[in-house]
Amino acid sequence: MWLATTAAGWALWGIPGLAAGGLVAYVAEGVFSYHKPRSRSSPIPGDDHAAAEEFAAAEAEAWLIERRWETDALPSPGGWRPPAGSLPGWQWSPPDGLRPRFDRVPVWVRVWYKTPFVDRYAYAWMWRHGGWDVLPPAARDS
Protein backbone atom coordinates (compact mmCIF):
# COMPACT_ATOMS: atom_id res chain seq x y z
CA MET A 1 0.00 0.00 0.00
CA TRP A 2 2.81 2.40 0.91
CA LEU A 3 4.69 1.75 -2.29
CA ALA A 4 1.63 2.17 -4.50
CA THR A 5 0.39 5.43 -2.98
CA THR A 6 3.79 7.10 -2.77
CA ALA A 7 4.68 6.02 -6.33
CA ALA A 8 1.34 7.33 -7.63
CA GLY A 9 1.82 10.62 -5.79
CA TRP A 10 5.35 10.96 -7.18
CA ALA A 11 4.22 10.18 -10.72
CA LEU A 12 1.31 12.64 -10.61
CA TRP A 13 2.66 15.60 -8.60
CA GLY A 14 6.39 15.08 -7.99
CA ILE A 15 7.85 15.63 -4.51
CA PRO A 16 4.68 17.16 -3.01
CA GLY A 17 2.76 14.16 -4.39
CA LEU A 18 5.27 11.83 -2.76
CA ALA A 19 4.59 13.41 0.64
CA ALA A 20 0.82 13.39 0.02
CA GLY A 21 0.94 9.73 -1.04
CA GLY A 22 2.84 8.84 2.15
CA LEU A 23 0.26 10.67 4.25
CA VAL A 24 -2.61 8.89 2.49
CA ALA A 25 -0.89 5.51 3.01
CA TYR A 26 -0.33 6.26 6.71
CA VAL A 27 -3.96 7.22 7.28
CA ALA A 28 -5.26 4.27 5.23
CA GLU A 29 -3.11 1.81 7.17
CA GLY A 30 -4.48 3.15 10.44
CA VAL A 31 -8.08 2.90 9.24
CA PHE A 32 -7.91 -0.46 7.45
CA SER A 33 -5.26 -2.18 9.53
CA TYR A 34 -5.89 -5.76 10.52
CA HIS A 35 -3.57 -5.26 13.52
CA LYS A 36 -6.16 -3.49 15.60
CA PRO A 37 -5.49 -3.66 19.34
CA ARG A 38 -7.77 -6.03 21.21
CA SER A 39 -8.91 -5.68 24.74
CA ARG A 40 -6.94 -7.87 27.11
CA SER A 41 -8.96 -10.42 28.94
CA SER A 42 -8.12 -12.43 31.99
CA PRO A 43 -6.83 -15.96 31.40
CA ILE A 44 -9.67 -17.10 33.66
CA PRO A 45 -13.19 -16.18 32.62
CA GLY A 46 -15.08 -14.31 35.34
CA ASP A 47 -17.93 -16.80 35.54
CA ASP A 48 -15.73 -19.91 35.63
CA HIS A 49 -15.26 -20.50 39.36
CA ALA A 50 -13.85 -24.01 38.88
CA ALA A 51 -10.97 -22.67 36.79
CA ALA A 52 -10.31 -19.93 39.34
CA GLU A 53 -10.18 -22.51 42.15
CA GLU A 54 -7.83 -24.70 40.11
CA PHE A 55 -5.58 -21.72 39.46
CA ALA A 56 -5.53 -20.83 43.17
CA ALA A 57 -4.68 -24.44 44.06
CA ALA A 58 -1.79 -24.44 41.57
CA GLU A 59 -0.45 -21.20 43.06
CA ALA A 60 -0.66 -22.66 46.57
CA GLU A 61 1.19 -25.81 45.47
CA ALA A 62 3.91 -23.73 43.82
CA TRP A 63 4.29 -21.74 47.05
CA LEU A 64 4.59 -24.97 49.07
CA ILE A 65 7.24 -26.35 46.72
CA GLU A 66 9.23 -23.11 46.95
CA ARG A 67 8.91 -23.16 50.72
CA ARG A 68 10.20 -26.73 50.79
CA TRP A 69 13.28 -25.63 48.85
CA GLU A 70 13.88 -22.91 51.45
CA THR A 71 13.50 -25.21 54.48
CA ASP A 72 14.54 -28.72 53.42
CA ALA A 73 17.31 -28.17 50.84
CA LEU A 74 20.74 -29.58 51.58
CA PRO A 75 24.11 -29.15 49.85
CA SER A 76 24.76 -31.82 47.24
CA PRO A 77 24.98 -34.82 47.32
CA GLY A 78 22.45 -34.58 50.19
CA GLY A 79 21.92 -38.33 50.49
CA TRP A 80 21.65 -39.00 46.76
CA ARG A 81 23.91 -41.38 44.84
CA PRO A 82 24.12 -40.77 41.10
CA PRO A 83 24.24 -43.77 38.75
CA ALA A 84 27.71 -45.10 38.00
CA GLY A 85 29.36 -43.50 34.99
CA SER A 86 27.08 -40.45 34.88
CA LEU A 87 27.98 -36.82 35.44
CA PRO A 88 25.78 -35.65 38.31
CA GLY A 89 24.15 -32.33 37.59
CA TRP A 90 24.71 -32.77 33.86
CA GLN A 91 23.45 -36.24 32.89
CA TRP A 92 21.61 -37.03 36.10
CA SER A 93 19.84 -35.04 38.79
CA PRO A 94 17.53 -35.98 41.66
CA PRO A 95 13.83 -36.23 40.76
CA ASP A 96 13.06 -32.86 42.36
CA GLY A 97 15.92 -31.22 40.49
CA LEU A 98 18.75 -29.13 41.84
CA ARG A 99 19.60 -25.47 42.19
CA PRO A 100 23.06 -23.95 41.85
CA ARG A 101 24.54 -22.20 44.88
CA PHE A 102 27.32 -19.96 43.62
CA ASP A 103 27.95 -18.57 47.08
CA ARG A 104 29.50 -21.96 47.97
CA VAL A 105 31.95 -22.25 45.07
CA PRO A 106 35.07 -20.27 44.12
CA VAL A 107 35.02 -17.65 41.37
CA TRP A 108 36.94 -19.86 38.95
CA VAL A 109 34.17 -22.49 39.18
CA ARG A 110 31.54 -19.84 38.41
CA VAL A 111 33.46 -18.98 35.23
CA TRP A 112 33.93 -22.68 34.43
CA TYR A 113 30.17 -23.22 34.90
CA LYS A 114 29.47 -20.69 32.10
CA THR A 115 32.15 -22.02 29.69
CA PRO A 116 30.74 -23.94 26.69
CA PHE A 117 31.67 -27.62 26.20
CA VAL A 118 33.56 -27.99 29.50
CA ASP A 119 30.76 -26.75 31.75
CA ARG A 120 29.54 -30.33 32.22
CA TYR A 121 32.63 -31.07 34.28
CA ALA A 122 31.97 -27.98 36.39
CA TYR A 123 28.50 -29.36 37.13
CA ALA A 124 30.05 -32.62 38.37
CA TRP A 125 32.67 -30.73 40.40
CA MET A 126 29.95 -28.64 41.99
CA TRP A 127 28.02 -31.83 42.84
CA ARG A 128 31.01 -33.33 44.64
CA HIS A 129 31.80 -30.11 46.53
CA GLY A 130 28.28 -29.05 47.61
CA GLY A 131 27.70 -26.40 44.94
CA TRP A 132 24.08 -27.48 44.41
CA ASP A 133 21.04 -27.49 46.65
CA VAL A 134 19.03 -30.71 46.56
CA LEU A 135 16.02 -31.98 48.41
CA PRO A 136 16.93 -35.06 50.45
CA PRO A 137 15.25 -38.37 49.59
CA ALA A 138 13.28 -38.40 52.86
CA ALA A 139 11.83 -34.91 52.20
CA ARG A 140 10.24 -36.17 48.97
CA ASP A 141 8.14 -38.73 50.85
CA SER A 142 6.74 -36.32 53.42
C-alpha atoms as a PDB file:
ATOM      1  CA  MET A   1       0.000   0.000   0.000  1.00  0.00           C
ATOM      2  CA  TRP A   2       2.809   2.399   0.907  1.00  0.00           C
ATOM      3  CA  LEU A   3       4.692   1.746  -2.288  1.00  0.00           C
ATOM      4  CA  ALA A   4       1.633   2.168  -4.500  1.00  0.00           C
ATOM      5  CA  THR A   5       0.386   5.435  -2.979  1.00  0.00           C
ATOM      6  CA  THR A   6       3.787   7.104  -2.769  1.00  0.00           C
ATOM      7  CA  ALA A   7       4.678   6.019  -6.326  1.00  0.00           C
ATOM      8  CA  ALA A   8       1.338   7.328  -7.626  1.00  0.00           C
ATOM      9  CA  GLY A   9       1.822  10.623  -5.793  1.00  0.00           C
ATOM     10  CA  TRP A  10       5.348  10.957  -7.177  1.00  0.00           C
ATOM     11  CA  ALA A  11       4.217  10.176 -10.721  1.00  0.00           C
ATOM     12  CA  LEU A  12       1.314  12.637 -10.614  1.00  0.00           C
ATOM     13  CA  TRP A  13       2.664  15.598  -8.604  1.00  0.00           C
ATOM     14  CA  GLY A  14       6.389  15.081  -7.986  1.00  0.00           C
ATOM     15  CA  ILE A  15       7.854  15.628  -4.511  1.00  0.00           C
ATOM     16  CA  PRO A  16       4.680  17.163  -3.006  1.00  0.00           C
ATOM     17  CA  GLY A  17       2.765  14.159  -4.391  1.00  0.00           C
ATOM     18  CA  LEU A  18       5.274  11.826  -2.760  1.00  0.00           C
ATOM     19  CA  ALA A  19       4.586  13.407   0.642  1.00  0.00           C
ATOM     20  CA  ALA A  20       0.816  13.394   0.023  1.00  0.00           C
ATOM     21  CA  GLY A  21       0.938   9.728  -1.043  1.00  0.00           C
ATOM     22  CA  GLY A  22       2.838   8.838   2.146  1.00  0.00           C
ATOM     23  CA  LEU A  23       0.263  10.675   4.250  1.00  0.00           C
ATOM     24  CA  VAL A  24      -2.613   8.890   2.491  1.00  0.00           C
ATOM     25  CA  ALA A  25      -0.887   5.514   3.014  1.00  0.00           C
ATOM     26  CA  TYR A  26      -0.327   6.260   6.713  1.00  0.00           C
ATOM     27  CA  VAL A  27      -3.959   7.215   7.284  1.00  0.00           C
ATOM     28  CA  ALA A  28      -5.261   4.267   5.233  1.00  0.00           C
ATOM     29  CA  GLU A  29      -3.107   1.812   7.168  1.00  0.00           C
ATOM     30  CA  GLY A  30      -4.482   3.148  10.438  1.00  0.00           C
ATOM     31  CA  VAL A  31      -8.077   2.898   9.244  1.00  0.00           C
ATOM     32  CA  PHE A  32      -7.907  -0.456   7.445  1.00  0.00           C
ATOM     33  CA  SER A  33      -5.260  -2.179   9.528  1.00  0.00           C
ATOM     34  CA  TYR A  34      -5.885  -5.764  10.519  1.00  0.00           C
ATOM     35  CA  HIS A  35      -3.572  -5.261  13.520  1.00  0.00           C
ATOM     36  CA  LYS A  36      -6.158  -3.489  15.598  1.00  0.00           C
ATOM     37  CA  PRO A  37      -5.493  -3.663  19.341  1.00  0.00           C
ATOM     38  CA  ARG A  38      -7.773  -6.026  21.207  1.00  0.00           C
ATOM     39  CA  SER A  39      -8.908  -5.680  24.742  1.00  0.00           C
ATOM     40  CA  ARG A  40      -6.942  -7.873  27.110  1.00  0.00           C
ATOM     41  CA  SER A  41      -8.955 -10.423  28.939  1.00  0.00           C
ATOM     42  CA  SER A  42      -8.121 -12.434  31.989  1.00  0.00           C
ATOM     43  CA  PRO A  43      -6.833 -15.962  31.395  1.00  0.00           C
ATOM     44  CA  ILE A  44      -9.666 -17.097  33.664  1.00  0.00           C
ATOM     45  CA  PRO A  45     -13.194 -16.179  32.622  1.00  0.00           C
ATOM     46  CA  GLY A  46     -15.079 -14.309  35.345  1.00  0.00           C
ATOM     47  CA  ASP A  47     -17.928 -16.800  35.538  1.00  0.00           C
ATOM     48  CA  ASP A  48     -15.729 -19.908  35.625  1.00  0.00           C
ATOM     49  CA  HIS A  49     -15.258 -20.502  39.358  1.00  0.00           C
ATOM     50  CA  ALA A  50     -13.852 -24.013  38.876  1.00  0.00           C
ATOM     51  CA  ALA A  51     -10.970 -22.670  36.790  1.00  0.00           C
ATOM     52  CA  ALA A  52     -10.309 -19.933  39.342  1.00  0.00           C
ATOM     53  CA  GLU A  53     -10.176 -22.507  42.155  1.00  0.00           C
ATOM     54  CA  GLU A  54      -7.834 -24.702  40.111  1.00  0.00           C
ATOM     55  CA  PHE A  55      -5.576 -21.717  39.459  1.00  0.00           C
ATOM     56  CA  ALA A  56      -5.529 -20.833  43.165  1.00  0.00           C
ATOM     57  CA  ALA A  57      -4.676 -24.444  44.058  1.00  0.00           C
ATOM     58  CA  ALA A  58      -1.785 -24.440  41.569  1.00  0.00           C
ATOM     59  CA  GLU A  59      -0.453 -21.201  43.058  1.00  0.00           C
ATOM     60  CA  ALA A  60      -0.657 -22.663  46.568  1.00  0.00           C
ATOM     61  CA  GLU A  61       1.185 -25.807  45.469  1.00  0.00           C
ATOM     62  CA  ALA A  62       3.913 -23.730  43.818  1.00  0.00           C
ATOM     63  CA  TRP A  63       4.289 -21.744  47.045  1.00  0.00           C
ATOM     64  CA  LEU A  64       4.587 -24.973  49.072  1.00  0.00           C
ATOM     65  CA  ILE A  65       7.243 -26.350  46.721  1.00  0.00           C
ATOM     66  CA  GLU A  66       9.233 -23.112  46.945  1.00  0.00           C
ATOM     67  CA  ARG A  67       8.906 -23.159  50.722  1.00  0.00           C
ATOM     68  CA  ARG A  68      10.201 -26.734  50.788  1.00  0.00           C
ATOM     69  CA  TRP A  69      13.284 -25.633  48.855  1.00  0.00           C
ATOM     70  CA  GLU A  70      13.877 -22.909  51.451  1.00  0.00           C
ATOM     71  CA  THR A  71      13.500 -25.206  54.475  1.00  0.00           C
ATOM     72  CA  ASP A  72      14.542 -28.723  53.417  1.00  0.00           C
ATOM     73  CA  ALA A  73      17.305 -28.174  50.837  1.00  0.00           C
ATOM     74  CA  LEU A  74      20.744 -29.576  51.576  1.00  0.00           C
ATOM     75  CA  PRO A  75      24.106 -29.152  49.851  1.00  0.00           C
ATOM     76  CA  SER A  76      24.755 -31.823  47.238  1.00  0.00           C
ATOM     77  CA  PRO A  77      24.978 -34.815  47.325  1.00  0.00           C
ATOM     78  CA  GLY A  78      22.447 -34.580  50.185  1.00  0.00           C
ATOM     79  CA  GLY A  79      21.924 -38.326  50.495  1.00  0.00           C
ATOM     80  CA  TRP A  80      21.648 -38.999  46.758  1.00  0.00           C
ATOM     81  CA  ARG A  81      23.908 -41.383  44.839  1.00  0.00           C
ATOM     82  CA  PRO A  82      24.119 -40.769  41.097  1.00  0.00           C
ATOM     83  CA  PRO A  83      24.236 -43.769  38.753  1.00  0.00           C
ATOM     84  CA  ALA A  84      27.714 -45.100  38.003  1.00  0.00           C
ATOM     85  CA  GLY A  85      29.358 -43.503  34.989  1.00  0.00           C
ATOM     86  CA  SER A  86      27.083 -40.449  34.876  1.00  0.00           C
ATOM     87  CA  LEU A  87      27.977 -36.819  35.435  1.00  0.00           C
ATOM     88  CA  PRO A  88      25.781 -35.648  38.307  1.00  0.00           C
ATOM     89  CA  GLY A  89      24.153 -32.331  37.593  1.00  0.00           C
ATOM     90  CA  TRP A  90      24.708 -32.771  33.856  1.00  0.00           C
ATOM     91  CA  GLN A  91      23.452 -36.235  32.887  1.00  0.00           C
ATOM     92  CA  TRP A  92      21.614 -37.026  36.099  1.00  0.00           C
ATOM     93  CA  SER A  93      19.838 -35.040  38.787  1.00  0.00           C
ATOM     94  CA  PRO A  94      17.526 -35.983  41.661  1.00  0.00           C
ATOM     95  CA  PRO A  95      13.826 -36.233  40.758  1.00  0.00           C
ATOM     96  CA  ASP A  96      13.065 -32.856  42.363  1.00  0.00           C
ATOM     97  CA  GLY A  97      15.919 -31.219  40.493  1.00  0.00           C
ATOM     98  CA  LEU A  98      18.747 -29.134  41.844  1.00  0.00           C
ATOM     99  CA  ARG A  99      19.597 -25.470  42.194  1.00  0.00           C
ATOM    100  CA  PRO A 100      23.064 -23.952  41.845  1.00  0.00           C
ATOM    101  CA  ARG A 101      24.543 -22.197  44.880  1.00  0.00           C
ATOM    102  CA  PHE A 102      27.320 -19.956  43.620  1.00  0.00           C
ATOM    103  CA  ASP A 103      27.953 -18.573  47.085  1.00  0.00           C
ATOM    104  CA  ARG A 104      29.495 -21.959  47.975  1.00  0.00           C
ATOM    105  CA  VAL A 105      31.951 -22.252  45.069  1.00  0.00           C
ATOM    106  CA  PRO A 106      35.067 -20.273  44.120  1.00  0.00           C
ATOM    107  CA  VAL A 107      35.020 -17.652  41.372  1.00  0.00           C
ATOM    108  CA  TRP A 108      36.945 -19.861  38.950  1.00  0.00           C
ATOM    109  CA  VAL A 109      34.173 -22.489  39.181  1.00  0.00           C
ATOM    110  CA  ARG A 110      31.542 -19.838  38.413  1.00  0.00           C
ATOM    111  CA  VAL A 111      33.455 -18.976  35.235  1.00  0.00           C
ATOM    112  CA  TRP A 112      33.928 -22.675  34.434  1.00  0.00           C
ATOM    113  CA  TYR A 113      30.174 -23.217  34.900  1.00  0.00           C
ATOM    114  CA  LYS A 114      29.474 -20.692  32.104  1.00  0.00           C
ATOM    115  CA  THR A 115      32.149 -22.019  29.691  1.00  0.00           C
ATOM    116  CA  PRO A 116      30.739 -23.935  26.694  1.00  0.00           C
ATOM    117  CA  PHE A 117      31.665 -27.620  26.201  1.00  0.00           C
ATOM    118  CA  VAL A 118      33.565 -27.993  29.500  1.00  0.00           C
ATOM    119  CA  ASP A 119      30.761 -26.753  31.748  1.00  0.00           C
ATOM    120  CA  ARG A 120      29.542 -30.335  32.220  1.00  0.00           C
ATOM    121  CA  TYR A 121      32.632 -31.065  34.280  1.00  0.00           C
ATOM    122  CA  ALA A 122      31.972 -27.981  36.394  1.00  0.00           C
ATOM    123  CA  TYR A 123      28.504 -29.356  37.131  1.00  0.00           C
ATOM    124  CA  ALA A 124      30.046 -32.620  38.367  1.00  0.00           C
ATOM    125  CA  TRP A 125      32.675 -30.731  40.403  1.00  0.00           C
ATOM    126  CA  MET A 126      29.952 -28.643  41.987  1.00  0.00           C
ATOM    127  CA  TRP A 127      28.023 -31.827  42.843  1.00  0.00           C
ATOM    128  CA  ARG A 128      31.005 -33.334  44.639  1.00  0.00           C
ATOM    129  CA  HIS A 129      31.796 -30.107  46.528  1.00  0.00           C
ATOM    130  CA  GLY A 130      28.279 -29.045  47.610  1.00  0.00           C
ATOM    131  CA  GLY A 131      27.697 -26.404  44.941  1.00  0.00           C
ATOM    132  CA  TRP A 132      24.081 -27.485  44.406  1.00  0.00           C
ATOM    133  CA  ASP A 133      21.040 -27.486  46.651  1.00  0.00           C
ATOM    134  CA  VAL A 134      19.031 -30.714  46.559  1.00  0.00           C
ATOM    135  CA  LEU A 135      16.015 -31.982  48.413  1.00  0.00           C
ATOM    136  CA  PRO A 136      16.935 -35.059  50.452  1.00  0.00           C
ATOM    137  CA  PRO A 137      15.254 -38.369  49.587  1.00  0.00           C
ATOM    138  CA  ALA A 138      13.277 -38.396  52.865  1.00  0.00           C
ATOM    139  CA  ALA A 139      11.830 -34.911  52.200  1.00  0.00           C
ATOM    140  CA  ARG A 140      10.241 -36.171  48.967  1.00  0.00           C
ATOM    141  CA  ASP A 141       8.142 -38.733  50.848  1.00  0.00           C
ATOM    142  CA  SER A 142       6.737 -36.317  53.420  1.00  0.00           C
END
